[in-house]
Every structure is written in C-alpha cells, then in structure tokens.
PDB file of N, CA and C in Angstrom:
ATOM      1  N   MET A   1     -22.169 -29.307  31.626  1.00  0.00           N
ATOM      2  CA  MET A   1     -21.090 -28.375  31.420  1.00  0.00           C
ATOM      3  C   MET A   1     -21.011 -27.488  32.655  1.00  0.00           C
ATOM      4  N   THR A   2     -19.834 -27.371  33.191  1.00  0.00           N
ATOM      5  CA  THR A   2     -19.668 -26.546  34.376  1.00  0.00           C
ATOM      6  C   THR A   2     -19.314 -25.131  33.972  1.00  0.00           C
ATOM      7  N   LEU A   3     -19.399 -24.257  34.941  1.00  0.00           N
ATOM      8  CA  LEU A   3     -19.095 -22.853  34.680  1.00  0.00           C
ATOM      9  C   LEU A   3     -17.633 -22.675  34.294  1.00  0.00           C
ATOM     10  N   ALA A   4     -16.734 -23.460  34.880  1.00  0.00           N
ATOM     11  CA  ALA A   4     -15.307 -23.350  34.576  1.00  0.00           C
ATOM     12  C   ALA A   4     -15.029 -23.764  33.143  1.00  0.00           C
ATOM     13  N   SER A   5     -15.685 -24.834  32.658  1.00  0.00           N
ATOM     14  CA  SER A   5     -15.439 -25.264  31.279  1.00  0.00           C
ATOM     15  C   SER A   5     -16.037 -24.278  30.286  1.00  0.00           C
ATOM     16  N   ALA A   6     -17.141 -23.638  30.624  1.00  0.00           N
ATOM     17  CA  ALA A   6     -17.721 -22.623  29.751  1.00  0.00           C
ATOM     18  C   ALA A   6     -16.785 -21.419  29.652  1.00  0.00           C
ATOM     19  N   ALA A   7     -16.156 -21.042  30.754  1.00  0.00           N
ATOM     20  CA  ALA A   7     -15.209 -19.925  30.745  1.00  0.00           C
ATOM     21  C   ALA A   7     -13.979 -20.276  29.910  1.00  0.00           C
ATOM     22  N   THR A   8     -13.550 -21.525  29.975  1.00  0.00           N
ATOM     23  CA  THR A   8     -12.401 -21.961  29.180  1.00  0.00           C
ATOM     24  C   THR A   8     -12.722 -21.907  27.698  1.00  0.00           C
ATOM     25  N   LEU A   9     -13.929 -22.340  27.303  1.00  0.00           N
ATOM     26  CA  LEU A   9     -14.322 -22.284  25.905  1.00  0.00           C
ATOM     27  C   LEU A   9     -14.404 -20.847  25.409  1.00  0.00           C
ATOM     28  N   ALA A  10     -14.938 -19.948  26.215  1.00  0.00           N
ATOM     29  CA  ALA A  10     -15.036 -18.545  25.831  1.00  0.00           C
ATOM     30  C   ALA A  10     -13.641 -17.946  25.691  1.00  0.00           C
ATOM     31  N   SER A  11     -12.743 -18.298  26.591  1.00  0.00           N
ATOM     32  CA  SER A  11     -11.373 -17.802  26.529  1.00  0.00           C
ATOM     33  C   SER A  11     -10.671 -18.308  25.274  1.00  0.00           C
ATOM     34  N   THR A  12     -10.894 -19.566  24.924  1.00  0.00           N
ATOM     35  CA  THR A  12     -10.282 -20.137  23.721  1.00  0.00           C
ATOM     36  C   THR A  12     -10.812 -19.441  22.478  1.00  0.00           C
ATOM     37  N   GLY A  13     -12.099 -19.153  22.437  1.00  0.00           N
ATOM     38  CA  GLY A  13     -12.679 -18.445  21.298  1.00  0.00           C
ATOM     39  C   GLY A  13     -12.131 -17.039  21.164  1.00  0.00           C
ATOM     40  N   GLU A  14     -11.956 -16.360  22.272  1.00  0.00           N
ATOM     41  CA  GLU A  14     -11.398 -15.017  22.235  1.00  0.00           C
ATOM     42  C   GLU A  14      -9.949 -15.048  21.765  1.00  0.00           C
ATOM     43  N   THR A  15      -9.217 -16.053  22.182  1.00  0.00           N
ATOM     44  CA  THR A  15      -7.821 -16.173  21.766  1.00  0.00           C
ATOM     45  C   THR A  15      -7.728 -16.450  20.268  1.00  0.00           C
ATOM     46  N   ALA A  16      -8.581 -17.328  19.760  1.00  0.00           N
ATOM     47  CA  ALA A  16      -8.579 -17.628  18.329  1.00  0.00           C
ATOM     48  C   ALA A  16      -8.945 -16.385  17.528  1.00  0.00           C
ATOM     49  N   GLY A  17      -9.893 -15.621  18.006  1.00  0.00           N
ATOM     50  CA  GLY A  17     -10.272 -14.387  17.328  1.00  0.00           C
ATOM     51  C   GLY A  17      -9.142 -13.371  17.340  1.00  0.00           C
ATOM     52  N   SER A  18      -8.440 -13.282  18.449  1.00  0.00           N
ATOM     53  CA  SER A  18      -7.309 -12.361  18.543  1.00  0.00           C
ATOM     54  C   SER A  18      -6.191 -12.762  17.592  1.00  0.00           C
ATOM     55  N   ILE A  19      -5.946 -14.051  17.509  1.00  0.00           N
ATOM     56  CA  ILE A  19      -4.904 -14.539  16.603  1.00  0.00           C
ATOM     57  C   ILE A  19      -5.294 -14.266  15.153  1.00  0.00           C
ATOM     58  N   ALA A  20      -6.555 -14.518  14.808  1.00  0.00           N
ATOM     59  CA  ALA A  20      -7.008 -14.261  13.443  1.00  0.00           C
ATOM     60  C   ALA A  20      -6.906 -12.772  13.109  1.00  0.00           C
ATOM     61  N   LEU A  21      -7.266 -11.920  14.044  1.00  0.00           N
ATOM     62  CA  LEU A  21      -7.165 -10.479  13.831  1.00  0.00           C
ATOM     63  C   LEU A  21      -5.713 -10.053  13.671  1.00  0.00           C
ATOM     64  N   ALA A  22      -4.820 -10.617  14.456  1.00  0.00           N
ATOM     65  CA  ALA A  22      -3.399 -10.290  14.348  1.00  0.00           C
ATOM     66  C   ALA A  22      -2.837 -10.734  12.999  1.00  0.00           C
ATOM     67  N   ILE A  23      -3.218 -11.908  12.539  1.00  0.00           N
ATOM     68  CA  ILE A  23      -2.752 -12.398  11.238  1.00  0.00           C
ATOM     69  C   ILE A  23      -3.270 -11.501  10.118  1.00  0.00           C
ATOM     70  N   ALA A  24      -4.524 -11.105  10.195  1.00  0.00           N
ATOM     71  CA  ALA A  24      -5.087 -10.215   9.180  1.00  0.00           C
ATOM     72  C   ALA A  24      -4.371  -8.865   9.198  1.00  0.00           C
ATOM     73  N   GLY A  25      -4.072  -8.357  10.359  1.00  0.00           N
ATOM     74  CA  GLY A  25      -3.352  -7.088  10.457  1.00  0.00           C
ATOM     75  C   GLY A  25      -1.952  -7.171   9.875  1.00  0.00           C
ATOM     76  N   ILE A  26      -1.263  -8.260  10.181  1.00  0.00           N
ATOM     77  CA  ILE A  26       0.084  -8.455   9.632  1.00  0.00           C
ATOM     78  C   ILE A  26       0.030  -8.589   8.118  1.00  0.00           C
ATOM     79  N   ALA A  27      -0.952  -9.312   7.601  1.00  0.00           N
ATOM     80  CA  ALA A  27      -1.099  -9.465   6.145  1.00  0.00           C
ATOM     81  C   ALA A  27      -1.377  -8.114   5.490  1.00  0.00           C
ATOM     82  N   PHE A  28      -2.199  -7.291   6.112  1.00  0.00           N
ATOM     83  CA  PHE A  28      -2.511  -5.966   5.576  1.00  0.00           C
ATOM     84  C   PHE A  28      -1.262  -5.086   5.553  1.00  0.00           C
ATOM     85  N   VAL A  29      -0.478  -5.110   6.611  1.00  0.00           N
ATOM     86  CA  VAL A  29       0.746  -4.311   6.677  1.00  0.00           C
ATOM     87  C   VAL A  29       1.746  -4.790   5.626  1.00  0.00           C
ATOM     88  N   LEU A  30       1.913  -6.096   5.494  1.00  0.00           N
ATOM     89  CA  LEU A  30       2.843  -6.637   4.493  1.00  0.00           C
ATOM     90  C   LEU A  30       2.393  -6.277   3.073  1.00  0.00           C
ATOM     91  N   ALA A  31       1.101  -6.338   2.817  1.00  0.00           N
ATOM     92  CA  ALA A  31       0.586  -5.954   1.495  1.00  0.00           C
ATOM     93  C   ALA A  31       0.864  -4.478   1.219  1.00  0.00           C
ATOM     94  N   GLY A  32       0.720  -3.634   2.220  1.00  0.00           N
ATOM     95  CA  GLY A  32       1.022  -2.218   2.059  1.00  0.00           C
ATOM     96  C   GLY A  32       2.494  -1.970   1.778  1.00  0.00           C
ATOM     97  N   ILE A  33       3.368  -2.710   2.447  1.00  0.00           N
ATOM     98  CA  ILE A  33       4.812  -2.572   2.219  1.00  0.00           C
ATOM     99  C   ILE A  33       5.171  -3.014   0.805  1.00  0.00           C
ATOM    100  N   VAL A  34       4.606  -4.135   0.372  1.00  0.00           N
ATOM    101  CA  VAL A  34       4.873  -4.623  -0.985  1.00  0.00           C
ATOM    102  C   VAL A  34       4.359  -3.630  -2.012  1.00  0.00           C
ATOM    103  N   LEU A  35       3.176  -3.078  -1.799  1.00  0.00           N
ATOM    104  CA  LEU A  35       2.613  -2.084  -2.714  1.00  0.00           C
ATOM    105  C   LEU A  35       3.494  -0.844  -2.777  1.00  0.00           C
ATOM    106  N   PHE A  36       3.988  -0.390  -1.632  1.00  0.00           N
ATOM    107  CA  PHE A  36       4.859   0.782  -1.580  1.00  0.00           C
ATOM    108  C   PHE A  36       6.156   0.540  -2.343  1.00  0.00           C
ATOM    109  N   ILE A  37       6.799  -0.603  -2.097  1.00  0.00           N
ATOM    110  CA  ILE A  37       8.056  -0.925  -2.774  1.00  0.00           C
ATOM    111  C   ILE A  37       7.842  -1.074  -4.277  1.00  0.00           C
ATOM    112  N   ALA A  38       6.761  -1.737  -4.671  1.00  0.00           N
ATOM    113  CA  ALA A  38       6.466  -1.890  -6.100  1.00  0.00           C
ATOM    114  C   ALA A  38       6.221  -0.536  -6.753  1.00  0.00           C
ATOM    115  N   GLY A  39       5.554   0.362  -6.056  1.00  0.00           N
ATOM    116  CA  GLY A  39       5.306   1.699  -6.595  1.00  0.00           C
ATOM    117  C   GLY A  39       6.588   2.484  -6.776  1.00  0.00           C
ATOM    118  N   VAL A  40       7.472   2.433  -5.796  1.00  0.00           N
ATOM    119  CA  VAL A  40       8.744   3.162  -5.890  1.00  0.00           C
ATOM    120  C   VAL A  40       9.578   2.606  -7.042  1.00  0.00           C
ATOM    121  N   VAL A  41       9.668   1.298  -7.158  1.00  0.00           N
ATOM    122  CA  VAL A  41      10.428   0.690  -8.253  1.00  0.00           C
ATOM    123  C   VAL A  41       9.815   1.069  -9.597  1.00  0.00           C
ATOM    124  N   SER A  42       8.499   1.066  -9.683  1.00  0.00           N
ATOM    125  CA  SER A  42       7.821   1.420 -10.927  1.00  0.00           C
ATOM    126  C   SER A  42       8.083   2.875 -11.308  1.00  0.00           C
ATOM    127  N   VAL A  43       8.118   3.769 -10.332  1.00  0.00           N
ATOM    128  CA  VAL A  43       8.412   5.177 -10.622  1.00  0.00           C
ATOM    129  C   VAL A  43       9.832   5.306 -11.148  1.00  0.00           C
ATOM    130  N   PHE A  44      10.787   4.645 -10.515  1.00  0.00           N
ATOM    131  CA  PHE A  44      12.172   4.736 -10.961  1.00  0.00           C
ATOM    132  C   PHE A  44      12.360   4.182 -12.369  1.00  0.00           C
ATOM    133  N   ARG A  45      11.606   3.174 -12.736  1.00  0.00           N
ATOM    134  CA  ARG A  45      11.733   2.557 -14.058  1.00  0.00           C
ATOM    135  C   ARG A  45      10.923   3.262 -15.131  1.00  0.00           C
ATOM    136  N   SER A  46      10.088   4.208 -14.762  1.00  0.00           N
ATOM    137  CA  SER A  46       9.213   4.888 -15.714  1.00  0.00           C
ATOM    138  C   SER A  46      10.014   5.792 -16.642  1.00  0.00           C
ATOM    139  N   GLY A  47       9.682   5.732 -17.920  1.00  0.00           N
ATOM    140  CA  GLY A  47      10.321   6.612 -18.887  1.00  0.00           C
ATOM    141  C   GLY A  47       9.481   7.837 -19.197  1.00  0.00           C
ATOM    142  N   ASN A  48       8.310   7.941 -18.600  1.00  0.00           N
ATOM    143  CA  ASN A  48       7.407   9.056 -18.876  1.00  0.00           C
ATOM    144  C   ASN A  48       7.777  10.334 -18.122  1.00  0.00           C
ATOM    145  N   TYR A  49       8.597  10.237 -17.103  1.00  0.00           N
ATOM    146  CA  TYR A  49       8.898  11.380 -16.255  1.00  0.00           C
ATOM    147  C   TYR A  49      10.401  11.602 -16.172  1.00  0.00           C
ATOM    148  N   GLN A  50      10.777  12.873 -16.053  1.00  0.00           N
ATOM    149  CA  GLN A  50      12.159  13.231 -15.779  1.00  0.00           C
ATOM    150  C   GLN A  50      12.387  13.082 -14.274  1.00  0.00           C
ATOM    151  N   SER A  51      13.565  13.401 -13.814  1.00  0.00           N
ATOM    152  CA  SER A  51      13.892  13.193 -12.402  1.00  0.00           C
ATOM    153  C   SER A  51      13.014  14.024 -11.470  1.00  0.00           C
ATOM    154  N   GLY A  52      12.623  15.233 -11.888  1.00  0.00           N
ATOM    155  CA  GLY A  52      11.756  16.066 -11.039  1.00  0.00           C
ATOM    156  C   GLY A  52      10.379  15.454 -10.841  1.00  0.00           C
ATOM    157  N   GLY A  53       9.795  14.943 -11.921  1.00  0.00           N
ATOM    158  CA  GLY A  53       8.490  14.292 -11.828  1.00  0.00           C
ATOM    159  C   GLY A  53       8.540  13.025 -10.995  1.00  0.00           C
ATOM    160  N   LYS A  54       9.639  12.286 -11.150  1.00  0.00           N
ATOM    161  CA  LYS A  54       9.802  11.070 -10.348  1.00  0.00           C
ATOM    162  C   LYS A  54       9.933  11.411  -8.864  1.00  0.00           C
ATOM    163  N   ALA A  55      10.663  12.503  -8.581  1.00  0.00           N
ATOM    164  CA  ALA A  55      10.830  12.919  -7.184  1.00  0.00           C
ATOM    165  C   ALA A  55       9.487  13.301  -6.565  1.00  0.00           C
ATOM    166  N   VAL A  56       8.630  13.967  -7.346  1.00  0.00           N
ATOM    167  CA  VAL A  56       7.307  14.341  -6.836  1.00  0.00           C
ATOM    168  C   VAL A  56       6.500  13.089  -6.511  1.00  0.00           C
ATOM    169  N   TRP A  57       6.516  12.107  -7.409  1.00  0.00           N
ATOM    170  CA  TRP A  57       5.773  10.874  -7.154  1.00  0.00           C
ATOM    171  C   TRP A  57       6.320  10.137  -5.928  1.00  0.00           C
ATOM    172  N   ILE A  58       7.634  10.093  -5.777  1.00  0.00           N
ATOM    173  CA  ILE A  58       8.226   9.427  -4.610  1.00  0.00           C
ATOM    174  C   ILE A  58       7.814  10.156  -3.330  1.00  0.00           C
ATOM    175  N   LEU A  59       7.837  11.495  -3.358  1.00  0.00           N
ATOM    176  CA  LEU A  59       7.414  12.258  -2.177  1.00  0.00           C
ATOM    177  C   LEU A  59       5.945  12.007  -1.847  1.00  0.00           C
ATOM    178  N   LEU A  60       5.103  11.906  -2.873  1.00  0.00           N
ATOM    179  CA  LEU A  60       3.694  11.587  -2.631  1.00  0.00           C
ATOM    180  C   LEU A  60       3.551  10.202  -1.996  1.00  0.00           C
ATOM    181  N   MET A  61       4.342   9.266  -2.456  1.00  0.00           N
ATOM    182  CA  MET A  61       4.272   7.919  -1.879  1.00  0.00           C
ATOM    183  C   MET A  61       4.773   7.901  -0.441  1.00  0.00           C
ATOM    184  N   LEU A  62       5.773   8.711  -0.145  1.00  0.00           N
ATOM    185  CA  LEU A  62       6.255   8.786   1.237  1.00  0.00           C
ATOM    186  C   LEU A  62       5.231   9.468   2.140  1.00  0.00           C
ATOM    187  N   ALA A  63       4.548  10.485   1.613  1.00  0.00           N
ATOM    188  CA  ALA A  63       3.555  11.210   2.409  1.00  0.00           C
ATOM    189  C   ALA A  63       2.289  10.384   2.622  1.00  0.00           C
ATOM    190  N   PHE A  64       1.917   9.612   1.599  1.00  0.00           N
ATOM    191  CA  PHE A  64       0.700   8.794   1.667  1.00  0.00           C
ATOM    192  C   PHE A  64       1.064   7.361   1.279  1.00  0.00           C
ATOM    193  N   PRO A  65       1.565   6.567   2.230  1.00  0.00           N
ATOM    194  CA  PRO A  65       2.132   5.255   1.905  1.00  0.00           C
ATOM    195  C   PRO A  65       1.172   4.278   1.231  1.00  0.00           C
ATOM    196  N   PHE A  66      -0.109   4.382   1.444  1.00  0.00           N
ATOM    197  CA  PHE A  66      -1.039   3.472   0.770  1.00  0.00           C
ATOM    198  C   PHE A  66      -1.682   4.139  -0.434  1.00  0.00           C
ATOM    199  N   LEU A  67      -2.141   5.363  -0.258  1.00  0.00           N
ATOM    200  CA  LEU A  67      -2.843   6.073  -1.321  1.00  0.00           C
ATOM    201  C   LEU A  67      -1.897   6.496  -2.453  1.00  0.00           C
ATOM    202  N   GLY A  68      -0.660   6.838  -2.135  1.00  0.00           N
ATOM    203  CA  GLY A  68       0.301   7.259  -3.150  1.00  0.00           C
ATOM    204  C   GLY A  68       0.570   6.187  -4.197  1.00  0.00           C
ATOM    205  N   PRO A  69       0.956   4.965  -3.798  1.00  0.00           N
ATOM    206  CA  PRO A  69       1.183   3.918  -4.794  1.00  0.00           C
ATOM    207  C   PRO A  69      -0.079   3.537  -5.564  1.00  0.00           C
ATOM    208  N   VAL A  70      -1.229   3.527  -4.894  1.00  0.00           N
ATOM    209  CA  VAL A  70      -2.478   3.205  -5.589  1.00  0.00           C
ATOM    210  C   VAL A  70      -2.742   4.258  -6.668  1.00  0.00           C
ATOM    211  N   THR A  71      -2.543   5.526  -6.331  1.00  0.00           N
ATOM    212  CA  THR A  71      -2.733   6.603  -7.303  1.00  0.00           C
ATOM    213  C   THR A  71      -1.744   6.474  -8.458  1.00  0.00           C
ATOM    214  N   TRP A  72      -0.510   6.121  -8.146  1.00  0.00           N
ATOM    215  CA  TRP A  72       0.490   5.936  -9.199  1.00  0.00           C
ATOM    216  C   TRP A  72       0.060   4.834 -10.168  1.00  0.00           C
ATOM    217  N   PHE A  73      -0.362   3.709  -9.642  1.00  0.00           N
ATOM    218  CA  PHE A  73      -0.722   2.588 -10.507  1.00  0.00           C
ATOM    219  C   PHE A  73      -2.003   2.849 -11.299  1.00  0.00           C
ATOM    220  N   ILE A  74      -2.902   3.683 -10.785  1.00  0.00           N
ATOM    221  CA  ILE A  74      -4.141   3.967 -11.502  1.00  0.00           C
ATOM    222  C   ILE A  74      -3.937   5.070 -12.542  1.00  0.00           C
ATOM    223  N   TRP A  75      -3.309   6.185 -12.148  1.00  0.00           N
ATOM    224  CA  TRP A  75      -3.220   7.330 -13.053  1.00  0.00           C
ATOM    225  C   TRP A  75      -1.807   7.645 -13.516  1.00  0.00           C
ATOM    226  N   GLY A  76      -0.836   7.586 -12.666  1.00  0.00           N
ATOM    227  CA  GLY A  76       0.494   8.101 -12.986  1.00  0.00           C
ATOM    228  C   GLY A  76       1.318   7.252 -13.916  1.00  0.00           C
ATOM    229  N   ARG A  77       1.197   5.966 -13.817  1.00  0.00           N
ATOM    230  CA  ARG A  77       2.069   5.067 -14.564  1.00  0.00           C
ATOM    231  C   ARG A  77       1.905   5.216 -16.068  1.00  0.00           C
ATOM    232  N   ASN A  78       0.693   5.358 -16.544  1.00  0.00           N
ATOM    233  CA  ASN A  78       0.456   5.422 -17.984  1.00  0.00           C
ATOM    234  C   ASN A  78       0.285   6.842 -18.508  1.00  0.00           C
ATOM    235  N   SER A  79       0.435   7.841 -17.649  1.00  0.00           N
ATOM    236  CA  SER A  79       0.262   9.213 -18.107  1.00  0.00           C
ATOM    237  C   SER A  79       1.513   9.674 -18.846  1.00  0.00           C
ATOM    238  N   THR A  80       1.319  10.608 -19.719  1.00  0.00           N
ATOM    239  CA  THR A  80       2.438  11.205 -20.441  1.00  0.00           C
ATOM    240  C   THR A  80       2.438  12.696 -20.184  1.00  0.00           C
ATOM    241  N   ILE A  81       3.608  13.253 -20.111  1.00  0.00           N
ATOM    242  CA  ILE A  81       3.740  14.685 -19.873  1.00  0.00           C
ATOM    243  C   ILE A  81       3.881  15.361 -21.224  1.00  0.00           C
ATOM    244  N   GLN A  82       3.071  16.358 -21.429  1.00  0.00           N
ATOM    245  CA  GLN A  82       3.155  17.129 -22.676  1.00  0.00           C
ATOM    246  C   GLN A  82       4.071  18.305 -22.451  1.00  0.00           C
ATOM    247  N   GLY A  83       5.026  18.443 -23.324  1.00  0.00           N
ATOM    248  CA  GLY A  83       5.950  19.553 -23.239  1.00  0.00           C
ATOM    249  C   GLY A  83       5.305  20.833 -23.756  1.00  0.00           C
ATOM    250  N   PRO A  84       6.078  21.900 -23.846  1.00  0.00           N
ATOM    251  CA  PRO A  84       5.532  23.153 -24.364  1.00  0.00           C
ATOM    252  C   PRO A  84       5.144  22.989 -25.827  1.00  0.00           C
ATOM    253  N   ALA A  85       4.166  23.763 -26.247  1.00  0.00           N
ATOM    254  CA  ALA A  85       3.679  23.694 -27.628  1.00  0.00           C
ATOM    255  C   ALA A  85       4.773  24.096 -28.584  1.00  0.00           C
ATOM    256  N   GLN A  86       4.881  23.355 -29.667  1.00  0.00           N
ATOM    257  CA  GLN A  86       5.895  23.652 -30.681  1.00  0.00           C
ATOM    258  C   GLN A  86       5.394  24.804 -31.563  1.00  0.00           C
ATOM    259  N   PRO A  87       6.228  25.792 -31.820  1.00  0.00           N
ATOM    260  CA  PRO A  87       5.800  26.893 -32.698  1.00  0.00           C
ATOM    261  C   PRO A  87       5.613  26.392 -34.119  1.00  0.00           C
ATOM    262  N   VAL A  88       4.669  26.978 -34.800  1.00  0.00           N
ATOM    263  CA  VAL A  88       4.338  26.549 -36.160  1.00  0.00           C
ATOM    264  C   VAL A  88       5.191  27.238 -37.172  1.00  0.00           C
TER     265      VAL A  88
END
C-alpha cells in the first residue's frame, strides 16, 4: 500500500462520516419540524383550553421549538383547567 492510496482511503472515510453526520442532522431537524407542527395542530384542536390558553401554548412552542411541543404532549394535552369555585 502506498502513501497516496492510504491518503485516499482516509479521505473516503472522512467523506462517508461527513455524509452520515449531515444525514443525521437533517433527520433531526426534520423530526423537530414535524414535532413542532404536530404540537401546534394539537393545541388548535384541543378542547381543554380557551383561545387565551391556546395562545400561551403556541407562544411557548415558538419560544422553545423543541421543548415546547414535548412539554405540550407530556403535560398540556391531557390537562384540564379548573374554573373558579362554585358557591355553595
């Protein structure tokens, strides 16, 4: 094996690694976009919140594009808002 062929093999390995890293990055970004869109649609379809509560959740998702939708799907989606106590 000559020095030139060893350099070519190293270059090919670096290129394959770069391509794999780029594909993983693109997949991560696409997953984040899908999660964000699914979260926004889920907030709009939710019957648990009035328009003000929905606006707060949408603003949280805009401020924290990954953490906001994850928080919505874990805690916000199934939560219910309790109104003021009814007098006896």
